[in-house]
N, C-alpha and C. Protein backbone atom coordinates (compact mmCIF):
# COMPACT_ATOMS: atom_id res chain seq x y z
N UNK A 1 -16.44 0.03 -11.19
CA UNK A 1 -15.19 -0.41 -10.61
C UNK A 1 -15.27 -1.91 -10.33
N UNK A 2 -14.17 -2.58 -10.60
CA UNK A 2 -14.10 -4.02 -10.40
C UNK A 2 -13.11 -4.31 -9.27
N UNK A 3 -13.47 -5.21 -8.36
CA UNK A 3 -12.59 -5.60 -7.25
C UNK A 3 -12.02 -6.99 -7.52
N UNK A 4 -10.72 -7.12 -7.34
CA UNK A 4 -10.02 -8.39 -7.55
C UNK A 4 -9.36 -8.78 -6.24
N UNK A 5 -9.65 -9.99 -5.76
CA UNK A 5 -9.04 -10.48 -4.52
C UNK A 5 -7.56 -10.74 -4.74
N UNK A 6 -6.73 -10.32 -3.81
CA UNK A 6 -5.29 -10.58 -3.88
C UNK A 6 -4.98 -11.86 -3.09
N UNK A 7 -3.71 -12.15 -2.93
CA UNK A 7 -3.29 -13.34 -2.18
C UNK A 7 -3.53 -13.19 -0.68
N UNK A 8 -3.86 -12.00 -0.23
CA UNK A 8 -4.11 -11.77 1.20
C UNK A 8 -5.59 -11.44 1.42
N UNK A 9 -6.20 -12.05 2.43
CA UNK A 9 -7.61 -11.77 2.72
C UNK A 9 -7.85 -10.29 2.98
N UNK A 10 -8.90 -9.77 2.41
CA UNK A 10 -9.38 -8.40 2.61
C UNK A 10 -8.59 -7.34 1.86
N UNK A 11 -7.46 -7.68 1.27
CA UNK A 11 -6.70 -6.72 0.45
C UNK A 11 -7.20 -6.89 -0.99
N UNK A 12 -7.71 -5.79 -1.56
CA UNK A 12 -8.33 -5.85 -2.88
C UNK A 12 -7.66 -4.92 -3.87
N UNK A 13 -7.51 -5.42 -5.09
CA UNK A 13 -7.05 -4.61 -6.20
C UNK A 13 -8.29 -4.06 -6.88
N UNK A 14 -8.34 -2.75 -7.06
CA UNK A 14 -9.51 -2.10 -7.63
C UNK A 14 -9.18 -1.58 -9.02
N UNK A 15 -9.98 -2.01 -10.00
CA UNK A 15 -9.79 -1.57 -11.39
C UNK A 15 -10.96 -0.68 -11.79
N UNK A 16 -10.69 0.59 -12.04
CA UNK A 16 -11.78 1.48 -12.44
C UNK A 16 -12.13 1.30 -13.91
N UNK A 17 -13.32 1.75 -14.28
CA UNK A 17 -13.69 1.83 -15.69
C UNK A 17 -13.06 3.11 -16.22
N UNK A 18 -12.20 2.95 -17.22
CA UNK A 18 -11.50 4.09 -17.80
C UNK A 18 -12.11 4.38 -19.16
N UNK A 19 -12.48 5.64 -19.37
CA UNK A 19 -13.05 6.07 -20.64
C UNK A 19 -12.00 6.93 -21.34
N UNK A 20 -11.54 6.46 -22.50
CA UNK A 20 -10.49 7.18 -23.20
C UNK A 20 -10.83 7.41 -24.65
N UNK A 21 -10.25 8.47 -25.18
CA UNK A 21 -10.36 8.77 -26.61
C UNK A 21 -9.15 9.62 -27.00
N UNK A 22 -9.20 10.25 -28.13
CA UNK A 22 -8.07 11.02 -28.63
C UNK A 22 -7.69 12.18 -27.70
N UNK A 23 -8.62 12.62 -26.86
CA UNK A 23 -8.35 13.73 -25.95
C UNK A 23 -7.60 13.31 -24.71
N UNK A 24 -7.66 12.02 -24.37
CA UNK A 24 -7.06 11.55 -23.12
C UNK A 24 -7.97 10.52 -22.46
N UNK A 25 -8.12 10.58 -21.16
CA UNK A 25 -8.96 9.62 -20.46
C UNK A 25 -9.67 10.27 -19.29
N UNK A 26 -10.68 9.58 -18.81
CA UNK A 26 -11.42 9.97 -17.60
C UNK A 26 -11.77 8.70 -16.84
N UNK A 27 -11.65 8.76 -15.52
CA UNK A 27 -12.19 7.69 -14.68
C UNK A 27 -12.49 8.26 -13.31
N UNK A 28 -13.42 7.62 -12.65
CA UNK A 28 -13.80 8.00 -11.30
C UNK A 28 -12.85 7.27 -10.35
N UNK A 29 -11.98 8.01 -9.68
CA UNK A 29 -10.99 7.37 -8.82
C UNK A 29 -11.55 7.01 -7.45
N UNK A 30 -12.62 7.68 -7.05
CA UNK A 30 -13.27 7.32 -5.78
C UNK A 30 -14.72 7.75 -5.80
N UNK A 31 -15.57 6.84 -5.37
CA UNK A 31 -16.99 7.09 -5.19
C UNK A 31 -17.36 6.35 -3.91
N UNK A 32 -17.71 7.08 -2.88
CA UNK A 32 -17.95 6.48 -1.56
C UNK A 32 -19.01 5.37 -1.61
N UNK A 33 -20.08 5.58 -2.33
CA UNK A 33 -21.16 4.60 -2.41
C UNK A 33 -20.68 3.32 -3.09
N UNK A 34 -19.99 3.45 -4.22
CA UNK A 34 -19.47 2.27 -4.94
C UNK A 34 -18.42 1.55 -4.09
N UNK A 35 -17.54 2.31 -3.46
CA UNK A 35 -16.51 1.72 -2.62
C UNK A 35 -17.15 0.91 -1.49
N UNK A 36 -18.17 1.45 -0.86
CA UNK A 36 -18.85 0.74 0.23
C UNK A 36 -19.51 -0.55 -0.28
N UNK A 37 -20.08 -0.52 -1.48
CA UNK A 37 -20.69 -1.72 -2.04
C UNK A 37 -19.64 -2.79 -2.33
N UNK A 38 -18.49 -2.38 -2.85
CA UNK A 38 -17.45 -3.34 -3.21
C UNK A 38 -16.74 -3.89 -1.98
N UNK A 39 -16.37 -3.02 -1.05
CA UNK A 39 -15.57 -3.41 0.12
C UNK A 39 -16.45 -3.96 1.24
N UNK A 40 -17.68 -3.48 1.30
CA UNK A 40 -18.57 -3.94 2.37
C UNK A 40 -18.50 -3.09 3.62
N UNK A 41 -17.76 -1.99 3.57
CA UNK A 41 -17.72 -1.05 4.68
C UNK A 41 -17.80 0.36 4.12
N UNK A 42 -18.32 1.26 4.92
CA UNK A 42 -18.39 2.66 4.52
C UNK A 42 -17.18 3.36 5.12
N UNK A 43 -16.05 3.30 4.44
CA UNK A 43 -14.81 3.89 4.94
C UNK A 43 -14.91 5.41 4.95
N UNK A 44 -14.42 5.98 6.00
CA UNK A 44 -14.38 7.43 6.14
C UNK A 44 -12.93 7.87 5.97
N UNK A 45 -12.57 8.28 4.76
CA UNK A 45 -11.21 8.72 4.52
C UNK A 45 -11.03 10.13 5.08
N UNK A 46 -9.98 10.32 5.87
CA UNK A 46 -9.78 11.59 6.57
C UNK A 46 -8.52 12.33 6.12
N UNK A 47 -7.67 11.67 5.35
CA UNK A 47 -6.40 12.29 4.96
C UNK A 47 -5.98 11.77 3.60
N UNK A 48 -5.52 12.69 2.74
CA UNK A 48 -4.94 12.32 1.44
C UNK A 48 -3.46 12.67 1.49
N UNK A 49 -2.61 11.78 0.98
CA UNK A 49 -1.17 12.00 0.96
C UNK A 49 -0.64 11.83 -0.46
N UNK A 50 0.39 12.61 -0.78
CA UNK A 50 1.03 12.55 -2.08
C UNK A 50 2.53 12.44 -1.84
N UNK A 51 3.13 11.43 -2.43
CA UNK A 51 4.55 11.16 -2.23
C UNK A 51 5.23 11.04 -3.59
N UNK A 52 6.32 11.76 -3.80
CA UNK A 52 7.12 11.63 -5.02
C UNK A 52 8.46 11.03 -4.62
N UNK A 53 8.89 10.02 -5.36
CA UNK A 53 10.15 9.34 -5.08
C UNK A 53 10.85 8.99 -6.38
N UNK A 54 12.18 8.84 -6.29
CA UNK A 54 12.98 8.47 -7.44
C UNK A 54 13.18 6.97 -7.53
N UNK A 55 13.79 6.55 -8.64
CA UNK A 55 14.03 5.13 -8.91
C UNK A 55 14.80 4.48 -7.75
N UNK A 56 14.37 3.28 -7.39
CA UNK A 56 14.99 2.44 -6.36
C UNK A 56 14.78 2.96 -4.95
N UNK A 57 13.94 3.99 -4.77
CA UNK A 57 13.56 4.41 -3.42
C UNK A 57 12.60 3.36 -2.89
N UNK A 58 12.83 2.95 -1.66
CA UNK A 58 11.95 1.99 -0.99
C UNK A 58 11.45 2.63 0.29
N UNK A 59 10.14 2.64 0.45
CA UNK A 59 9.51 3.21 1.65
C UNK A 59 8.73 2.11 2.35
N UNK A 60 8.98 1.94 3.63
CA UNK A 60 8.22 0.94 4.38
C UNK A 60 9.13 -0.02 5.10
N UNK A 61 8.51 -0.91 5.76
CA UNK A 61 7.12 -1.32 5.85
C UNK A 61 6.47 -0.65 7.06
N UNK A 62 5.50 0.22 6.83
CA UNK A 62 4.92 1.06 7.87
C UNK A 62 3.52 0.61 8.28
N UNK A 63 3.19 0.90 9.52
CA UNK A 63 1.84 0.73 10.05
C UNK A 63 1.71 1.51 11.35
N UNK A 64 0.49 1.70 11.81
CA UNK A 64 0.24 2.34 13.10
C UNK A 64 -0.43 1.32 14.00
N UNK A 65 0.18 1.04 15.14
CA UNK A 65 -0.35 0.02 16.05
C UNK A 65 -1.62 0.51 16.76
N UNK A 66 -1.68 1.79 17.05
CA UNK A 66 -2.92 2.42 17.53
C UNK A 66 -3.32 3.41 16.45
N UNK A 67 -4.59 3.69 16.36
CA UNK A 67 -5.09 4.49 15.24
C UNK A 67 -4.69 3.84 13.91
N UNK A 68 -4.93 2.52 13.77
CA UNK A 68 -4.54 1.87 12.51
C UNK A 68 -5.27 2.48 11.33
N UNK A 69 -4.57 2.54 10.22
CA UNK A 69 -5.10 3.18 9.03
C UNK A 69 -5.45 2.15 7.96
N UNK A 70 -6.64 2.29 7.41
CA UNK A 70 -6.94 1.66 6.14
C UNK A 70 -6.39 2.59 5.08
N UNK A 71 -5.87 2.03 3.98
CA UNK A 71 -5.29 2.88 2.94
C UNK A 71 -5.81 2.45 1.57
N UNK A 72 -6.11 3.43 0.74
CA UNK A 72 -6.38 3.18 -0.67
C UNK A 72 -5.27 3.89 -1.43
N UNK A 73 -4.43 3.11 -2.12
CA UNK A 73 -3.22 3.65 -2.74
C UNK A 73 -3.27 3.53 -4.25
N UNK A 74 -2.59 4.46 -4.93
CA UNK A 74 -2.50 4.41 -6.39
C UNK A 74 -1.31 5.23 -6.86
N UNK A 75 -0.90 4.96 -8.08
CA UNK A 75 0.21 5.67 -8.71
C UNK A 75 -0.36 6.52 -9.84
N UNK A 76 -0.03 7.81 -9.83
CA UNK A 76 -0.49 8.69 -10.90
C UNK A 76 0.62 9.05 -11.87
N UNK A 77 1.85 8.70 -11.51
CA UNK A 77 3.00 8.91 -12.40
C UNK A 77 4.03 7.84 -12.09
N UNK A 78 4.44 7.09 -13.11
CA UNK A 78 5.48 6.08 -12.92
C UNK A 78 4.93 4.71 -12.56
N UNK A 79 5.82 3.90 -11.95
CA UNK A 79 5.48 2.52 -11.57
C UNK A 79 6.11 2.20 -10.22
N UNK A 80 5.37 1.46 -9.40
CA UNK A 80 5.91 0.99 -8.13
C UNK A 80 5.56 -0.47 -7.92
N UNK A 81 6.35 -1.13 -7.07
CA UNK A 81 6.03 -2.45 -6.58
C UNK A 81 5.53 -2.24 -5.17
N UNK A 82 4.23 -2.47 -4.97
CA UNK A 82 3.56 -2.20 -3.70
C UNK A 82 3.48 -3.49 -2.89
N UNK A 83 3.79 -3.43 -1.60
CA UNK A 83 3.83 -4.62 -0.75
C UNK A 83 2.99 -4.41 0.49
N UNK A 84 2.21 -5.43 0.83
CA UNK A 84 1.46 -5.45 2.09
C UNK A 84 1.80 -6.73 2.84
N UNK A 85 1.85 -6.63 4.17
CA UNK A 85 2.14 -7.77 5.04
C UNK A 85 1.02 -7.87 6.07
N UNK A 86 0.43 -9.05 6.20
CA UNK A 86 -0.66 -9.27 7.15
C UNK A 86 -0.09 -9.38 8.56
N UNK A 87 -0.49 -8.45 9.42
CA UNK A 87 -0.03 -8.42 10.81
C UNK A 87 -1.13 -8.80 11.80
N UNK A 88 -2.21 -9.38 11.30
CA UNK A 88 -3.34 -9.77 12.16
C UNK A 88 -3.11 -11.20 12.63
N UNK A 89 -2.82 -11.34 13.92
CA UNK A 89 -2.47 -12.67 14.46
C UNK A 89 -3.57 -13.70 14.24
N UNK A 90 -4.81 -13.27 14.21
CA UNK A 90 -5.93 -14.21 14.04
C UNK A 90 -6.17 -14.58 12.57
N UNK A 91 -5.45 -13.95 11.66
CA UNK A 91 -5.65 -14.20 10.24
C UNK A 91 -4.93 -15.47 9.80
N UNK A 92 -5.55 -16.25 8.90
CA UNK A 92 -4.85 -17.42 8.35
C UNK A 92 -3.64 -17.01 7.50
N UNK A 93 -3.56 -15.75 7.12
CA UNK A 93 -2.44 -15.25 6.31
C UNK A 93 -1.43 -14.47 7.14
N UNK A 94 -1.50 -14.56 8.46
CA UNK A 94 -0.59 -13.82 9.33
C UNK A 94 0.87 -14.06 8.91
N UNK A 95 1.61 -12.96 8.74
CA UNK A 95 3.01 -13.06 8.38
C UNK A 95 3.29 -13.24 6.90
N UNK A 96 2.25 -13.34 6.09
CA UNK A 96 2.45 -13.47 4.64
C UNK A 96 2.42 -12.09 4.00
N UNK A 97 3.05 -12.00 2.83
CA UNK A 97 3.08 -10.75 2.10
C UNK A 97 2.55 -10.96 0.69
N UNK A 98 2.12 -9.86 0.09
CA UNK A 98 1.72 -9.85 -1.32
C UNK A 98 2.32 -8.60 -1.95
N UNK A 99 2.79 -8.74 -3.18
CA UNK A 99 3.34 -7.62 -3.92
C UNK A 99 2.61 -7.45 -5.23
N UNK A 100 2.28 -6.20 -5.54
CA UNK A 100 1.51 -5.90 -6.74
C UNK A 100 2.11 -4.66 -7.40
N UNK A 101 2.29 -4.72 -8.72
CA UNK A 101 2.77 -3.55 -9.43
C UNK A 101 1.59 -2.63 -9.72
N UNK A 102 1.79 -1.36 -9.42
CA UNK A 102 0.81 -0.32 -9.72
C UNK A 102 1.49 0.69 -10.63
N UNK A 103 0.75 1.21 -11.61
CA UNK A 103 1.35 2.17 -12.53
C UNK A 103 0.33 3.19 -13.01
N UNK A 104 0.86 4.24 -13.62
CA UNK A 104 -0.01 5.27 -14.19
C UNK A 104 -0.78 4.73 -15.39
N UNK A 105 -0.26 3.69 -16.05
CA UNK A 105 -0.93 3.14 -17.22
C UNK A 105 -2.17 2.32 -16.86
N UNK A 106 -2.13 1.57 -15.76
CA UNK A 106 -3.26 0.67 -15.47
C UNK A 106 -4.32 1.30 -14.57
N UNK A 107 -3.99 2.41 -13.91
CA UNK A 107 -4.95 3.16 -13.07
C UNK A 107 -5.50 2.32 -11.90
N UNK A 108 -4.90 1.18 -11.63
CA UNK A 108 -5.40 0.33 -10.54
C UNK A 108 -5.06 0.95 -9.19
N UNK A 109 -5.90 0.61 -8.22
CA UNK A 109 -5.72 1.05 -6.85
C UNK A 109 -5.72 -0.18 -5.96
N UNK A 110 -5.14 -0.04 -4.78
CA UNK A 110 -5.10 -1.14 -3.84
C UNK A 110 -5.74 -0.70 -2.55
N UNK A 111 -6.71 -1.49 -2.08
CA UNK A 111 -7.33 -1.25 -0.77
C UNK A 111 -6.60 -2.12 0.25
N UNK A 112 -6.04 -1.46 1.26
CA UNK A 112 -5.30 -2.12 2.34
C UNK A 112 -6.03 -1.80 3.63
N UNK A 113 -6.74 -2.76 4.21
CA UNK A 113 -7.47 -2.46 5.44
C UNK A 113 -6.52 -2.33 6.64
N UNK A 114 -7.01 -1.78 7.75
CA UNK A 114 -6.17 -1.75 8.96
C UNK A 114 -5.70 -3.16 9.31
N UNK A 115 -4.51 -3.23 9.90
CA UNK A 115 -3.97 -4.53 10.30
C UNK A 115 -2.85 -5.03 9.41
N UNK A 116 -2.43 -4.22 8.46
CA UNK A 116 -1.38 -4.60 7.52
C UNK A 116 -0.25 -3.58 7.56
N UNK A 117 0.99 -4.06 7.37
CA UNK A 117 2.12 -3.17 7.13
C UNK A 117 2.15 -2.91 5.62
N UNK A 118 2.68 -1.75 5.24
CA UNK A 118 2.67 -1.35 3.83
C UNK A 118 3.99 -0.69 3.45
N UNK A 119 4.42 -0.97 2.22
CA UNK A 119 5.60 -0.31 1.69
C UNK A 119 5.60 -0.40 0.17
N UNK A 120 6.50 0.33 -0.46
CA UNK A 120 6.61 0.25 -1.91
C UNK A 120 8.01 0.61 -2.35
N UNK A 121 8.37 0.11 -3.53
CA UNK A 121 9.64 0.43 -4.17
C UNK A 121 9.36 1.02 -5.54
N UNK A 122 10.09 2.05 -5.91
CA UNK A 122 9.88 2.74 -7.18
C UNK A 122 10.65 2.02 -8.28
N UNK A 123 9.94 1.66 -9.34
CA UNK A 123 10.52 0.94 -10.48
C UNK A 123 10.85 1.85 -11.65
N UNK A 124 10.22 3.00 -11.74
CA UNK A 124 10.43 3.95 -12.83
C UNK A 124 11.41 5.03 -12.38
N UNK A 125 11.74 5.95 -13.28
CA UNK A 125 12.68 7.03 -12.92
C UNK A 125 12.17 7.85 -11.75
N UNK A 126 10.87 8.14 -11.76
CA UNK A 126 10.20 8.79 -10.63
C UNK A 126 8.80 8.20 -10.53
N UNK A 127 8.19 8.38 -9.39
CA UNK A 127 6.80 7.95 -9.21
C UNK A 127 6.10 8.90 -8.26
N UNK A 128 4.87 9.24 -8.60
CA UNK A 128 3.99 9.98 -7.71
C UNK A 128 2.96 9.00 -7.20
N UNK A 129 2.93 8.86 -5.89
CA UNK A 129 2.13 7.85 -5.20
C UNK A 129 1.12 8.58 -4.32
N UNK A 130 -0.17 8.29 -4.52
CA UNK A 130 -1.23 8.92 -3.73
C UNK A 130 -1.89 7.88 -2.85
N UNK A 131 -2.24 8.30 -1.64
CA UNK A 131 -3.02 7.39 -0.81
C UNK A 131 -3.93 8.14 0.13
N UNK A 132 -5.12 7.55 0.26
CA UNK A 132 -6.13 8.02 1.20
C UNK A 132 -6.03 7.16 2.45
N UNK A 133 -6.25 7.76 3.62
CA UNK A 133 -6.21 6.98 4.86
C UNK A 133 -7.49 7.17 5.67
N UNK A 134 -7.83 6.14 6.42
CA UNK A 134 -9.05 6.17 7.23
C UNK A 134 -8.82 6.71 8.63
N UNK A 135 -7.57 7.00 8.98
CA UNK A 135 -7.27 7.66 10.24
C UNK A 135 -6.07 8.57 10.01
N UNK A 136 -5.88 9.49 10.93
CA UNK A 136 -4.81 10.46 10.80
C UNK A 136 -3.45 9.85 11.14
N UNK A 137 -2.41 10.42 10.56
CA UNK A 137 -1.05 10.02 10.88
C UNK A 137 -0.80 10.33 12.35
N UNK A 138 -0.29 9.36 13.07
CA UNK A 138 0.02 9.50 14.49
C UNK A 138 1.44 8.99 14.71
N UNK A 139 2.44 9.86 14.61
CA UNK A 139 3.83 9.41 14.68
C UNK A 139 4.16 8.62 15.94
N UNK A 140 3.49 8.90 17.04
CA UNK A 140 3.76 8.17 18.29
C UNK A 140 3.31 6.71 18.22
N UNK A 141 2.43 6.39 17.27
CA UNK A 141 1.93 5.02 17.11
C UNK A 141 2.50 4.33 15.87
N UNK A 142 3.31 5.07 15.11
CA UNK A 142 3.85 4.50 13.88
C UNK A 142 4.93 3.47 14.20
N UNK A 143 4.91 2.38 13.44
CA UNK A 143 5.90 1.32 13.57
C UNK A 143 6.45 1.01 12.18
N UNK A 144 7.63 0.40 12.16
CA UNK A 144 8.28 0.06 10.90
C UNK A 144 8.93 -1.31 11.04
N UNK A 145 8.64 -2.19 10.10
CA UNK A 145 9.29 -3.50 10.02
C UNK A 145 10.35 -3.41 8.92
N UNK A 146 11.47 -4.04 9.15
CA UNK A 146 12.56 -4.01 8.15
C UNK A 146 12.07 -4.51 6.80
N UNK A 147 12.39 -3.77 5.77
CA UNK A 147 11.98 -4.09 4.41
C UNK A 147 12.64 -5.38 3.92
N UNK A 148 13.81 -5.71 4.48
CA UNK A 148 14.56 -6.89 4.03
C UNK A 148 14.56 -8.01 5.06
N UNK A 149 13.55 -8.05 5.92
CA UNK A 149 13.51 -9.06 6.97
C UNK A 149 13.52 -10.47 6.36
N UNK A 150 14.46 -11.32 6.79
CA UNK A 150 14.56 -12.66 6.20
C UNK A 150 13.36 -13.56 6.52
N UNK A 151 12.68 -13.31 7.63
CA UNK A 151 11.50 -14.12 7.95
C UNK A 151 10.37 -13.86 6.97
N UNK A 152 10.28 -12.64 6.46
CA UNK A 152 9.25 -12.31 5.48
C UNK A 152 9.67 -12.74 4.08
N UNK A 153 10.93 -12.55 3.74
CA UNK A 153 11.43 -12.98 2.44
C UNK A 153 10.78 -12.27 1.26
N UNK A 154 10.54 -10.99 1.40
CA UNK A 154 9.91 -10.23 0.31
C UNK A 154 10.87 -10.17 -0.88
N UNK A 155 10.35 -10.46 -2.04
CA UNK A 155 11.13 -10.46 -3.27
C UNK A 155 10.95 -9.12 -3.99
N UNK A 156 11.69 -8.13 -3.54
CA UNK A 156 11.62 -6.80 -4.13
C UNK A 156 12.31 -6.82 -5.50
N UNK A 157 11.67 -6.33 -6.55
CA UNK A 157 12.30 -6.30 -7.88
C UNK A 157 13.18 -5.06 -8.05
N UNK A 158 14.27 -5.02 -7.32
CA UNK A 158 15.14 -3.85 -7.28
C UNK A 158 16.37 -4.02 -8.15
N UNK A 159 16.91 -2.90 -8.58
CA UNK A 159 18.19 -2.88 -9.28
C UNK A 159 19.23 -2.38 -8.29
N UNK A 160 19.88 -3.29 -7.58
CA UNK A 160 20.87 -2.91 -6.58
C UNK A 160 20.23 -2.60 -5.24
N UNK A 161 21.01 -1.96 -4.39
CA UNK A 161 20.53 -1.60 -3.06
C UNK A 161 19.53 -0.45 -3.15
N UNK A 162 18.43 -0.53 -2.40
CA UNK A 162 17.45 0.56 -2.43
C UNK A 162 17.92 1.75 -1.60
N UNK A 163 17.34 2.88 -1.89
CA UNK A 163 17.53 4.08 -1.09
C UNK A 163 16.41 4.12 -0.06
N UNK A 164 16.77 4.02 1.22
CA UNK A 164 15.79 4.01 2.30
C UNK A 164 16.10 5.13 3.29
N UNK A 165 15.10 5.54 4.03
CA UNK A 165 15.30 6.56 5.06
C UNK A 165 16.05 5.94 6.24
N UNK A 166 16.60 6.79 7.09
CA UNK A 166 17.28 6.30 8.29
C UNK A 166 16.30 5.53 9.17
N UNK A 167 15.08 6.02 9.27
CA UNK A 167 14.04 5.35 10.07
C UNK A 167 13.76 3.95 9.52
N UNK A 168 13.61 3.84 8.21
CA UNK A 168 13.31 2.55 7.61
C UNK A 168 14.50 1.59 7.72
N UNK A 169 15.71 2.12 7.66
CA UNK A 169 16.90 1.27 7.79
C UNK A 169 16.98 0.66 9.19
N UNK A 170 16.36 1.31 10.17
CA UNK A 170 16.38 0.82 11.55
C UNK A 170 15.09 0.09 11.91
N UNK A 171 14.34 -0.35 10.92
CA UNK A 171 13.08 -1.04 11.17
C UNK A 171 13.26 -2.26 12.07
N UNK A 172 12.18 -2.62 12.73
CA UNK A 172 12.16 -3.76 13.65
C UNK A 172 12.09 -5.07 12.87
N UNK A 173 12.78 -6.11 13.30
CA UNK A 173 12.59 -7.42 12.67
C UNK A 173 11.14 -7.88 12.85
N UNK A 174 10.64 -8.61 11.88
CA UNK A 174 9.25 -9.09 11.95
C UNK A 174 8.99 -9.86 13.24
N UNK A 175 9.93 -10.69 13.66
CA UNK A 175 9.74 -11.52 14.87
C UNK A 175 9.59 -10.70 16.13
N UNK A 176 10.01 -9.44 16.11
CA UNK A 176 9.93 -8.57 17.30
C UNK A 176 8.89 -7.45 17.14
N UNK A 177 8.17 -7.47 16.04
CA UNK A 177 7.20 -6.40 15.76
C UNK A 177 5.97 -6.53 16.64
N UNK A 178 5.25 -5.43 16.76
CA UNK A 178 3.95 -5.45 17.42
C UNK A 178 2.92 -5.82 16.37
N UNK A 179 2.00 -6.71 16.75
CA UNK A 179 0.99 -7.22 15.81
C UNK A 179 -0.39 -6.77 16.27
N UNK A 180 -1.35 -7.02 15.40
CA UNK A 180 -2.75 -6.77 15.71
C UNK A 180 -3.39 -8.09 16.18
N UNK A 181 -4.44 -8.01 16.98
CA UNK A 181 -5.10 -9.26 17.46
C UNK A 181 -5.60 -10.11 16.32
């Protein structure tokens, strides 16, 4: 597995070695020992999530202020534009965002450590999005920043208005969000 630094500190794009032939392909999507060597921490993933969404669905920007989650995300069907926002006040990248396309064709994964908000928009007709988390979902600690916050200026590659949940439509402006130290 190869790790590629993104525009945000500590957020890494992971490219697995894919072995393919006429039968299809094989790759190791997770190996705890290799992950620890690449990331520098021995992450303990406690929950796997699978999300299916249609074209132009936008989910996010989510995070947990207590019980923050590290996430390793990937797409197994379709394509998404994945976005992370640095919410760590002590970070030189505080308030900056990075967007990366993930697809079933490239098999890439994104490591998002605790301290970041996360969201994605579906670019294909449908997308199946998988993610591992380092802590359990805690709805009482979940927070949401508006996906279209003008202070962030995220350039979502959307065709028209996205389909968002009622919760996401009521997201907090970035200037009023709770941040990490």
